[in-house]
Amino acid sequence: MEELIQRRLRQLFHDDRIVFDKSRFTGGLTNYNYIMNIQGTEYVIRKPGGMTNQMIDRSIEKVNNAIACELGLNSQCFYFDEISGIKISIYIQNSKDIAHADPCKAENLRAVSDLMKKTHSSPKDFPNTFDWRMELEKYEQIVKGLKGDFFFDYTGLKKQLFDFFDQNIQNAISVPCHNDTVPENFVIDDKGKAYLIDWEYAGMNDPNWDVAAYIIESRLTVEAIEALVNDYYGQFPTPEEVLKIKGYMVAQDLLWTVWALIRHYNGEDFLDYCNIRYERFRRNLRTITAEADCSIFDLVKD
């Protein structure tokens, strides 16, 4: 893959002297991103992570990435190869992701809320649907194809979660969603303009999924949760919306656990990440099934 990226860079910039430089790593879990200065312009070069082309439909991602750029949500895309998954974007100068700029800070919470609302009210629909149960089944099949194992209580706990959704989560709606609203994907430049990057998992979904993801991935405080949901919903969310948020928080830990198992059985160092998410899934499933009216923060705190 690294040789392919280097060949592609040389072709695109018509310079056979270019060397794919990984010295400026800028993060990533699904993929690995590196900043390079090429002919006076700084770019973010995406190296696709292991097995990601089996987990992600890159042709769909290309469409959704373009829509996000048109809406002014995303960083400018210079090149996108839907076959290899290589992507080259213009680097947002003097920027910092919200994970490093404090995900609980009031102005950052407003920026996150604004970007989610703009995404969810997009006049253009995404061509695909992100259904977490279908994604989970797809990931399970990849794990089985890698001859991998699941946790001893996986099947029983998954059934409990499915039963909880069938009995409690009603009236799911479908709008354009990012579906991976971790704080690292929100970027703010030195002028205060905010961006939402990395649209690999984008698709039509219930918007409460995105709200839930930011809360649990950022481990928000009680005060930050209240500020975010009040800003996003315009008031404290309804009991139905709160229940969706909590249900999606639990579902995300299960989904991304299996995602991490794929990376683990592909030989990458994701076992600790997998264990942490699954332990929280176990704990929070017990909490939400025993007391459905628990607070959102009850699913975040240690």
Protein backbone atom coordinates (compact mmCIF):
# COMPACT_ATOMS: atom_id res chain seq x y z
CA MET A 1 0.00 0.00 0.00
CA GLU A 2 2.81 2.44 0.83
CA GLU A 3 4.44 1.78 -2.53
CA LEU A 4 1.09 2.36 -4.25
CA ILE A 5 0.63 5.67 -2.41
CA GLN A 6 4.09 6.80 -3.45
CA ARG A 7 3.46 5.88 -7.09
CA ARG A 8 0.13 7.70 -7.00
CA LEU A 9 1.71 10.84 -5.49
CA ARG A 10 4.38 10.88 -8.19
CA GLN A 11 1.76 10.50 -10.92
CA LEU A 12 -0.57 13.15 -9.53
CA PHE A 13 2.12 15.75 -8.95
CA HIS A 14 4.28 14.79 -11.97
CA ASP A 15 7.40 14.42 -9.84
CA ASP A 16 9.31 11.13 -9.62
CA ARG A 17 11.34 12.43 -6.67
CA ILE A 18 8.40 12.42 -4.24
CA VAL A 19 8.81 10.01 -1.33
CA PHE A 20 5.80 9.03 0.78
CA ASP A 21 6.76 10.62 4.10
CA LYS A 22 5.15 9.24 7.27
CA SER A 23 7.03 11.46 9.73
CA ARG A 24 4.02 13.72 10.40
CA PHE A 25 1.38 11.29 11.59
CA THR A 26 -1.92 13.05 12.26
CA GLY A 27 -3.93 10.20 13.72
CA GLY A 28 -6.60 7.72 12.77
CA LEU A 29 -8.12 4.40 13.80
CA THR A 30 -9.93 3.25 10.67
CA ASN A 31 -7.17 4.68 8.50
CA TYR A 32 -3.75 6.27 9.07
CA ASN A 33 -3.24 9.90 8.06
CA TYR A 34 -0.03 11.77 7.33
CA ILE A 35 0.68 15.41 6.53
CA MET A 36 3.01 16.10 3.60
CA ASN A 37 4.15 19.35 2.03
CA ILE A 38 4.09 18.82 -1.72
CA GLN A 39 5.07 21.65 -4.05
CA GLY A 40 4.31 24.26 -1.42
CA THR A 41 0.90 22.94 -0.33
CA GLU A 42 0.23 20.78 2.71
CA TYR A 43 -1.92 17.71 2.18
CA VAL A 44 -3.30 14.95 4.38
CA ILE A 45 -2.48 11.57 2.82
CA ARG A 46 -4.75 8.71 3.89
CA LYS A 47 -3.31 5.22 4.09
CA PRO A 48 -6.26 2.80 4.41
CA GLY A 49 -6.21 0.59 7.51
CA GLY A 50 -6.23 -3.18 7.38
CA MET A 51 -9.43 -4.86 6.15
CA THR A 52 -11.15 -1.49 5.72
CA ASN A 53 -12.05 -2.12 2.09
CA GLN A 54 -14.12 -5.08 3.29
CA MET A 55 -15.82 -2.98 5.95
CA ILE A 56 -16.36 0.20 3.93
CA ASP A 57 -17.87 0.71 0.49
CA ARG A 58 -15.39 3.22 -0.89
CA SER A 59 -17.59 4.12 -3.88
CA ILE A 60 -20.36 5.16 -1.47
CA GLU A 61 -17.84 6.97 0.72
CA LYS A 62 -16.63 8.94 -2.32
CA VAL A 63 -20.16 10.21 -2.99
CA ASN A 64 -20.84 11.08 0.65
CA ASN A 65 -17.44 12.73 1.04
CA ALA A 66 -18.23 14.94 -1.96
CA ILE A 67 -21.65 15.89 -0.56
CA ALA A 68 -20.03 16.87 2.75
CA CYS A 69 -17.52 19.01 0.85
CA GLU A 70 -20.31 20.71 -1.13
CA LEU A 71 -22.08 21.57 2.12
CA GLY A 72 -18.90 23.14 3.51
CA LEU A 73 -18.72 20.61 6.33
CA ASN A 74 -15.66 18.69 5.21
CA SER A 75 -12.08 19.60 4.37
CA GLN A 76 -11.38 20.02 0.65
CA CYS A 77 -10.71 16.71 -1.10
CA PHE A 78 -7.95 16.75 -3.73
CA TYR A 79 -8.01 13.08 -4.77
CA PHE A 80 -10.10 10.02 -3.95
CA ASP A 81 -9.40 6.51 -5.24
CA GLU A 82 -12.45 4.34 -4.57
CA ILE A 83 -10.53 1.16 -5.48
CA SER A 84 -7.59 1.42 -3.08
CA GLY A 85 -9.16 3.78 -0.54
CA ILE A 86 -6.31 6.28 -0.87
CA LYS A 87 -7.53 9.83 -0.26
CA ILE A 88 -5.66 13.12 -0.41
CA SER A 89 -7.17 16.19 1.24
CA ILE A 90 -6.02 19.77 1.68
CA TYR A 91 -4.64 20.16 5.19
CA ILE A 92 -6.59 22.65 7.32
CA GLN A 93 -3.88 25.05 8.39
CA ASN A 94 -3.33 25.90 12.04
CA SER A 95 -6.07 23.51 13.07
CA LYS A 96 -6.67 21.37 16.11
CA ASP A 97 -9.09 18.52 16.59
CA ILE A 98 -11.58 18.89 19.41
CA ALA A 99 -10.19 15.87 21.26
CA HIS A 100 -7.07 17.96 21.88
CA ALA A 101 -8.93 21.27 22.21
CA ASP A 102 -11.23 20.01 25.02
CA PRO A 103 -14.42 18.22 23.91
CA CYS A 104 -16.30 19.59 26.96
CA LYS A 105 -15.54 23.26 26.29
CA ALA A 106 -18.70 25.32 25.70
CA GLU A 107 -17.65 26.83 22.36
CA ASN A 108 -16.53 23.42 21.09
CA LEU A 109 -19.85 21.85 22.08
CA ARG A 110 -21.65 24.58 20.11
CA ALA A 111 -19.44 23.88 17.09
CA VAL A 112 -20.16 20.15 17.33
CA SER A 113 -23.90 20.78 17.66
CA ASP A 114 -23.90 23.16 14.67
CA LEU A 115 -22.04 20.70 12.44
CA MET A 116 -24.34 17.84 13.40
CA LYS A 117 -27.44 19.97 12.76
CA LYS A 118 -26.09 21.02 9.35
CA THR A 119 -25.39 17.39 8.50
CA HIS A 120 -28.79 16.17 9.64
CA SER A 121 -30.60 18.92 7.71
CA SER A 122 -28.65 18.41 4.49
CA PRO A 123 -30.80 19.03 1.40
CA LYS A 124 -29.00 16.09 -0.23
CA ASP A 125 -29.61 12.58 1.05
CA PHE A 126 -26.82 10.03 1.14
CA PRO A 127 -27.35 7.10 -1.27
CA ASN A 128 -26.92 4.47 1.46
CA THR A 129 -28.36 3.58 4.85
CA PHE A 130 -26.24 2.98 7.94
CA ASP A 131 -28.09 0.29 9.88
CA TRP A 132 -26.06 -0.72 12.91
CA ARG A 133 -27.53 -4.23 13.03
CA MET A 134 -26.65 -4.86 9.40
CA GLU A 135 -23.18 -3.41 9.95
CA LEU A 136 -22.74 -5.69 12.95
CA GLU A 137 -23.73 -8.75 10.92
CA LYS A 138 -21.28 -7.75 8.19
CA TYR A 139 -18.46 -7.37 10.70
CA GLU A 140 -19.34 -10.71 12.30
CA GLN A 141 -19.02 -12.45 8.95
CA ILE A 142 -15.59 -10.89 8.40
CA VAL A 143 -14.44 -12.09 11.84
CA LYS A 144 -15.66 -15.61 11.01
CA GLY A 145 -13.84 -15.44 7.68
CA LEU A 146 -10.65 -14.67 9.61
CA LYS A 147 -11.30 -17.74 11.82
CA GLY A 148 -11.73 -15.43 14.79
CA ASP A 149 -13.62 -15.99 18.03
CA PHE A 150 -16.13 -13.89 19.93
CA PHE A 151 -16.41 -13.34 23.67
CA PHE A 152 -17.96 -16.29 25.54
CA ASP A 153 -21.13 -14.32 26.38
CA TYR A 154 -21.35 -12.46 23.08
CA THR A 155 -24.38 -14.23 21.58
CA GLY A 156 -26.52 -13.93 24.72
CA LEU A 157 -25.69 -10.28 25.33
CA LYS A 158 -26.29 -9.37 21.70
CA LYS A 159 -29.75 -10.94 21.94
CA GLN A 160 -30.45 -8.92 25.09
CA LEU A 161 -29.52 -5.73 23.26
CA PHE A 162 -31.65 -6.61 20.24
CA ASP A 163 -34.59 -7.40 22.53
CA PHE A 164 -34.13 -4.07 24.32
CA PHE A 165 -34.28 -2.22 21.00
CA ASP A 166 -37.30 -4.18 19.79
CA GLN A 167 -39.17 -3.39 23.00
CA ASN A 168 -38.05 0.19 23.66
CA ILE A 169 -36.60 2.02 20.68
CA GLN A 170 -39.44 3.14 18.44
CA ASN A 171 -39.92 5.58 15.58
CA ALA A 172 -36.37 5.70 14.24
CA ILE A 173 -36.02 8.42 11.63
CA SER A 174 -33.66 8.63 8.67
CA VAL A 175 -31.56 11.69 7.82
CA PRO A 176 -27.99 12.16 6.54
CA CYS A 177 -25.63 11.21 9.39
CA HIS A 178 -21.88 11.08 9.84
CA ASN A 179 -22.06 8.00 12.13
CA ASP A 180 -18.52 8.39 13.50
CA THR A 181 -18.72 11.61 15.50
CA VAL A 182 -15.66 11.05 17.67
CA PRO A 183 -14.07 14.31 18.88
CA GLU A 184 -11.01 13.66 16.68
CA ASN A 185 -13.22 14.11 13.60
CA PHE A 186 -14.20 17.67 14.57
CA VAL A 187 -11.48 20.13 13.57
CA ILE A 188 -11.29 23.86 14.28
CA ASP A 189 -8.88 26.24 12.54
CA ASP A 190 -7.29 29.34 14.04
CA LYS A 191 -10.12 31.53 12.74
CA GLY A 192 -12.71 29.49 14.61
CA LYS A 193 -14.15 27.71 11.58
CA ALA A 194 -15.14 24.13 12.38
CA TYR A 195 -15.09 21.10 10.09
CA LEU A 196 -16.34 17.53 10.34
CA ILE A 197 -13.95 15.15 8.58
CA ASP A 198 -13.67 11.43 7.74
CA TRP A 199 -16.99 10.38 6.20
CA GLU A 200 -16.26 6.64 5.78
CA TYR A 201 -19.31 5.54 7.75
CA ALA A 202 -21.72 8.24 6.58
CA GLY A 203 -25.22 7.22 5.55
CA MET A 204 -28.88 7.73 6.33
CA ASN A 205 -29.57 7.04 10.00
CA ASP A 206 -31.32 8.32 13.10
CA PRO A 207 -29.61 11.61 14.13
CA ASN A 208 -29.56 10.54 17.77
CA TRP A 209 -26.81 8.08 16.76
CA ASP A 210 -24.44 10.99 16.10
CA VAL A 211 -25.36 12.72 19.37
CA ALA A 212 -24.81 9.47 21.28
CA ALA A 213 -21.45 8.87 19.61
CA TYR A 214 -20.03 12.27 20.53
CA ILE A 215 -21.15 11.89 24.15
CA ILE A 216 -19.67 8.46 24.75
CA GLU A 217 -16.52 8.90 22.65
CA SER A 218 -15.74 12.22 24.37
CA ARG A 219 -16.71 10.93 27.83
CA LEU A 220 -18.60 14.15 28.46
CA THR A 221 -19.29 15.44 31.94
CA VAL A 222 -22.85 15.89 33.23
CA GLU A 223 -22.65 19.61 32.50
CA ALA A 224 -21.26 19.08 28.99
CA ILE A 225 -23.97 16.54 28.15
CA GLU A 226 -26.65 18.99 29.24
CA ALA A 227 -25.08 21.83 27.24
CA LEU A 228 -24.74 19.71 24.09
CA VAL A 229 -28.24 18.28 24.08
CA ASN A 230 -29.85 21.62 24.96
CA ASP A 231 -28.01 23.28 22.09
CA TYR A 232 -28.71 20.47 19.61
CA TYR A 233 -32.40 19.90 20.41
CA GLY A 234 -33.18 23.48 21.44
CA GLN A 235 -34.31 22.14 24.82
CA PHE A 236 -33.65 19.09 26.92
CA PRO A 237 -34.50 16.10 24.69
CA THR A 238 -37.74 14.21 25.07
CA PRO A 239 -37.79 10.88 26.98
CA GLU A 240 -38.00 9.10 23.62
CA GLU A 241 -34.87 10.91 22.37
CA VAL A 242 -33.01 10.25 25.63
CA LEU A 243 -33.81 6.54 25.37
CA LYS A 244 -32.52 6.48 21.79
CA ILE A 245 -29.29 8.19 22.84
CA LYS A 246 -28.72 5.65 25.60
CA GLY A 247 -29.61 2.69 23.40
CA TYR A 248 -27.28 3.86 20.65
CA MET A 249 -24.45 4.38 23.14
CA VAL A 250 -24.68 0.73 24.14
CA ALA A 251 -25.07 -0.45 20.53
CA GLN A 252 -21.99 1.50 19.46
CA ASP A 253 -19.79 -0.23 21.99
CA LEU A 254 -20.91 -3.61 20.65
CA LEU A 255 -20.51 -2.59 17.01
CA TRP A 256 -17.04 -1.12 17.42
CA THR A 257 -15.98 -4.08 19.56
CA VAL A 258 -16.55 -6.39 16.60
CA TRP A 259 -14.91 -3.83 14.30
CA ALA A 260 -11.85 -4.01 16.57
CA LEU A 261 -11.92 -7.82 16.51
CA ILE A 262 -11.51 -7.66 12.73
CA ARG A 263 -8.42 -5.50 13.11
CA HIS A 264 -7.10 -7.78 15.88
CA TYR A 265 -7.49 -10.96 13.82
CA ASN A 266 -5.87 -9.16 10.91
CA GLY A 267 -2.73 -8.87 13.04
CA GLU A 268 -3.05 -5.28 14.29
CA ASP A 269 -2.79 -4.02 17.85
CA PHE A 270 -6.47 -3.53 18.71
CA LEU A 271 -7.05 -6.06 21.49
CA ASP A 272 -6.93 -3.56 24.36
CA TYR A 273 -9.31 -1.24 22.52
CA CYS A 274 -11.62 -4.20 21.91
CA ASN A 275 -11.59 -5.30 25.55
CA ILE A 276 -12.27 -1.80 26.89
CA ARG A 277 -15.27 -1.31 24.63
CA TYR A 278 -16.72 -4.74 25.34
CA GLU A 279 -16.40 -4.34 29.10
CA ARG A 280 -18.26 -1.04 28.89
CA PHE A 281 -20.88 -2.69 26.67
CA ARG A 282 -21.40 -5.42 29.28
CA ARG A 283 -21.72 -2.90 32.10
CA ASN A 284 -24.01 -0.50 30.26
CA LEU A 285 -26.26 -3.25 28.94
CA ARG A 286 -26.81 -4.37 32.53
CA THR A 287 -27.51 -0.78 33.56
CA ILE A 288 -29.96 0.07 30.79
CA THR A 289 -31.91 -3.18 31.00
CA ALA A 290 -32.20 -2.98 34.79
CA GLU A 291 -33.11 0.71 34.86
CA ALA A 292 -34.24 2.12 31.51
CA ASP A 293 -34.64 5.59 33.04
CA CYS A 294 -30.99 5.82 34.10
CA SER A 295 -29.28 9.06 33.11
CA ILE A 296 -27.16 9.46 29.98
CA PHE A 297 -24.19 10.17 32.24
CA ASP A 298 -24.68 6.82 34.00
CA LEU A 299 -23.47 5.20 30.76
CA VAL A 300 -20.43 7.45 30.50
CA LYS A 301 -18.97 7.45 33.99
CA ASP A 302 -16.46 4.82 35.10
